[in-house]
Amino acid sequence: MKRWLKISILVLIVIIILAGVAYSYYSTEVVGFPLINLNQYQSYSLSVDGRDNLKQTYIYIPTDGNVDIYGSGEVNFNSNSAVSPDGYSRLDYPLDWPLDASLCLDSLWNNGHAALIAKIGDGQPFAVESYVSISKTQHDAGYLYLGINDCSLTEPEKYANSGQFNVNVVVSQ
């Protein structure tokens, strides 16, 4: 009788161990689809004022972090010139707005005027526009800065920006 009890306990232990191994395997994948570990994702929603020039967001991007940035909303770079986060066409801007274009050069002169832009830490600014995905191999660690690609954000008053972009930032590891 004691031998049967020892064998039963041993079989029960083996079943528990196998169940733990199976759970750890299947908890990362269900029917071919990876499960999302919410502890590895951080999501932020904020707004970028039309007069902001690369303002720090206090969202820290680690070196092993992937970043997805989504932009929406409208900014006016002149009294009647609403643009999406993609900005005003760089080819049309100096033709349609010669006085505004002659004031100075935007940070990213080859991207849309008044487009949504960003930088991470001390890195170079880059275009976000409506969406950008930055992998961990494309940046150093640092705080995320967001702003508007416009060198005349507030001056002269006639050309001052208004409006805002709504931004969603997702940081994953």
Protein backbone atom coordinates (compact mmCIF):
# COMPACT_ATOMS: atom_id res chain seq x y z
CA MET A 1 0.00 0.00 0.00
CA LYS A 2 2.83 2.40 0.83
CA ARG A 3 4.49 1.71 -2.48
CA TRP A 4 1.27 2.55 -4.38
CA LEU A 5 1.01 5.85 -2.43
CA LYS A 6 4.63 6.78 -3.25
CA ILE A 7 4.07 6.05 -6.94
CA SER A 8 0.84 8.09 -6.96
CA ILE A 9 2.59 11.07 -5.36
CA LEU A 10 5.49 10.79 -7.81
CA VAL A 11 3.07 10.68 -10.78
CA LEU A 12 1.20 13.70 -9.39
CA ILE A 13 4.48 15.66 -9.09
CA VAL A 14 5.42 14.79 -12.68
CA ILE A 15 1.97 15.90 -13.90
CA ILE A 16 2.30 19.23 -12.05
CA ILE A 17 5.76 19.82 -13.53
CA LEU A 18 4.57 18.99 -17.05
CA ALA A 19 1.54 21.26 -16.62
CA GLY A 20 3.86 24.13 -15.59
CA VAL A 21 6.08 23.58 -18.63
CA ALA A 22 3.06 23.42 -20.93
CA TYR A 23 1.57 26.59 -19.41
CA SER A 24 4.81 28.53 -19.83
CA TYR A 25 5.04 27.42 -23.46
CA TYR A 26 1.42 28.15 -24.39
CA SER A 27 1.19 31.40 -22.45
CA THR A 28 3.44 33.07 -25.04
CA GLU A 29 1.46 31.81 -28.01
CA VAL A 30 -2.17 30.89 -28.57
CA VAL A 31 -3.19 29.29 -31.86
CA GLY A 32 -0.21 30.83 -33.62
CA PHE A 33 -0.78 34.38 -32.31
CA PRO A 34 1.61 35.85 -29.74
CA LEU A 35 -0.01 37.17 -26.60
CA ILE A 36 0.63 40.80 -25.66
CA ASN A 37 2.40 41.20 -22.37
CA LEU A 38 0.97 44.49 -21.13
CA ASN A 39 3.96 44.98 -18.83
CA GLN A 40 6.12 45.46 -21.93
CA TYR A 41 3.99 48.25 -23.45
CA GLN A 42 3.48 51.81 -22.29
CA SER A 43 1.05 54.11 -24.05
CA TYR A 44 0.84 57.89 -23.75
CA SER A 45 -1.60 60.45 -25.16
CA LEU A 46 -0.68 64.11 -25.32
CA SER A 47 -1.08 67.22 -27.43
CA VAL A 48 1.51 69.29 -29.23
CA ASP A 49 0.68 72.98 -29.47
CA GLY A 50 1.15 74.58 -32.88
CA ARG A 51 3.75 76.90 -31.31
CA ASP A 52 5.94 74.14 -29.80
CA ASN A 53 9.48 73.74 -31.07
CA LEU A 54 10.70 70.28 -29.97
CA LYS A 55 9.39 70.39 -26.42
CA GLN A 56 10.43 67.65 -23.96
CA THR A 57 7.59 65.24 -23.15
CA TYR A 58 9.20 63.46 -20.16
CA ILE A 59 8.53 60.15 -21.90
CA TYR A 60 11.79 58.22 -21.51
CA ILE A 61 12.75 55.93 -24.38
CA PRO A 62 15.19 53.17 -23.31
CA THR A 63 17.84 51.88 -25.71
CA ASP A 64 15.94 48.60 -26.07
CA GLY A 65 12.61 50.37 -26.71
CA ASN A 66 10.64 50.44 -29.92
CA VAL A 67 8.53 53.56 -30.42
CA ASP A 68 5.36 54.05 -32.46
CA ILE A 69 4.09 57.63 -32.72
CA TYR A 70 0.70 58.50 -34.19
CA GLY A 71 -0.38 62.06 -34.99
CA SER A 72 -3.77 63.61 -35.73
CA GLY A 73 -5.40 67.04 -35.52
CA GLU A 74 -4.67 70.33 -37.29
CA VAL A 75 -2.21 73.19 -36.97
CA ASN A 76 -2.55 76.54 -38.75
CA PHE A 77 0.80 77.99 -39.81
CA ASN A 78 -0.93 81.07 -41.15
CA SER A 79 -4.37 82.50 -40.50
CA ASN A 80 -6.08 80.18 -43.02
CA SER A 81 -3.67 77.31 -43.64
CA ALA A 82 -4.72 74.25 -41.63
CA VAL A 83 -2.45 71.23 -42.08
CA SER A 84 -2.50 67.65 -40.83
CA PRO A 85 0.56 66.17 -39.06
CA ASP A 86 1.98 65.53 -42.55
CA GLY A 87 2.42 69.29 -42.98
CA TYR A 88 2.19 71.46 -46.06
CA SER A 89 3.85 70.09 -49.20
CA ARG A 90 7.50 71.19 -49.26
CA LEU A 91 7.34 71.72 -53.03
CA ASP A 92 4.25 73.94 -52.87
CA TYR A 93 5.11 75.86 -49.69
CA PRO A 94 7.57 78.43 -51.16
CA LEU A 95 5.30 78.96 -54.16
CA ASP A 96 2.07 79.36 -52.18
CA TRP A 97 3.53 81.17 -49.15
CA PRO A 98 6.65 83.03 -50.41
CA LEU A 99 6.78 85.59 -47.60
CA ASP A 100 6.37 82.97 -44.85
CA ALA A 101 8.91 80.70 -46.56
CA SER A 102 11.46 83.54 -46.83
CA LEU A 103 11.57 84.17 -43.06
CA CYS A 104 13.85 81.23 -42.20
CA LEU A 105 14.56 77.53 -42.81
CA ASP A 106 12.55 74.86 -40.99
CA SER A 107 14.38 72.24 -38.87
CA LEU A 108 13.64 69.54 -41.44
CA TRP A 109 13.65 71.52 -44.68
CA ASN A 110 12.96 68.45 -46.83
CA ASN A 111 9.78 67.46 -44.92
CA GLY A 112 6.36 69.11 -44.86
CA HIS A 113 6.15 72.63 -43.44
CA ALA A 114 4.42 72.63 -40.01
CA ALA A 115 4.55 68.81 -39.90
CA LEU A 116 4.80 66.89 -36.63
CA ILE A 117 8.46 66.17 -35.80
CA ALA A 118 10.35 64.52 -32.94
CA LYS A 119 13.74 63.62 -31.57
CA ILE A 120 14.98 61.24 -28.89
CA GLY A 121 17.52 62.53 -26.39
CA ASP A 122 20.39 64.35 -28.10
CA GLY A 123 19.65 62.67 -31.44
CA GLN A 124 18.73 64.35 -34.69
CA PRO A 125 15.15 65.49 -35.32
CA PHE A 126 13.05 63.23 -37.55
CA ALA A 127 9.65 63.49 -39.23
CA VAL A 128 6.73 61.85 -37.45
CA GLU A 129 3.95 63.18 -39.68
CA SER A 130 0.85 60.97 -39.22
CA TYR A 131 2.83 57.89 -38.15
CA VAL A 132 6.37 56.75 -37.58
CA SER A 133 7.83 53.57 -36.11
CA ILE A 134 11.33 53.69 -34.65
CA SER A 135 13.07 50.42 -33.83
CA LYS A 136 15.52 50.01 -30.96
CA THR A 137 18.44 49.92 -33.39
CA GLN A 138 17.66 53.43 -34.70
CA HIS A 139 18.11 55.52 -31.55
CA ASP A 140 19.98 56.06 -28.31
CA ALA A 141 18.23 56.30 -24.96
CA GLY A 142 16.70 59.61 -23.94
CA TYR A 143 13.59 61.65 -23.48
CA LEU A 144 11.18 62.10 -26.38
CA TYR A 145 10.76 65.63 -27.75
CA LEU A 146 7.84 66.58 -29.98
CA GLY A 147 7.28 69.75 -31.99
CA ILE A 148 6.28 71.47 -35.19
CA ASN A 149 8.51 71.74 -38.27
CA ASP A 150 8.26 75.52 -38.56
CA CYS A 151 10.93 78.14 -37.91
CA SER A 152 8.37 80.96 -37.43
CA LEU A 153 6.17 79.40 -34.73
CA THR A 154 5.25 82.62 -32.95
CA GLU A 155 6.82 85.54 -34.84
CA PRO A 156 5.84 87.66 -36.57
CA GLU A 157 2.37 87.56 -35.02
CA LYS A 158 0.79 87.56 -38.48
CA TYR A 159 2.43 84.18 -39.15
CA ALA A 160 2.09 82.72 -35.63
CA ASN A 161 0.84 79.15 -35.46
CA SER A 162 -2.35 77.98 -33.78
CA GLY A 163 -4.10 74.66 -33.24
CA GLN A 164 -2.60 71.42 -32.02
CA PHE A 165 -1.72 67.88 -32.95
CA ASN A 166 -2.98 65.01 -30.82
CA VAL A 167 -0.25 62.43 -30.36
CA ASN A 168 -0.29 58.82 -29.18
CA VAL A 169 3.05 57.30 -28.25
CA VAL A 170 3.52 53.57 -27.69
CA VAL A 171 6.82 52.38 -26.23
CA SER A 172 7.47 48.63 -26.30
CA GLN A 173 10.42 46.43 -25.49
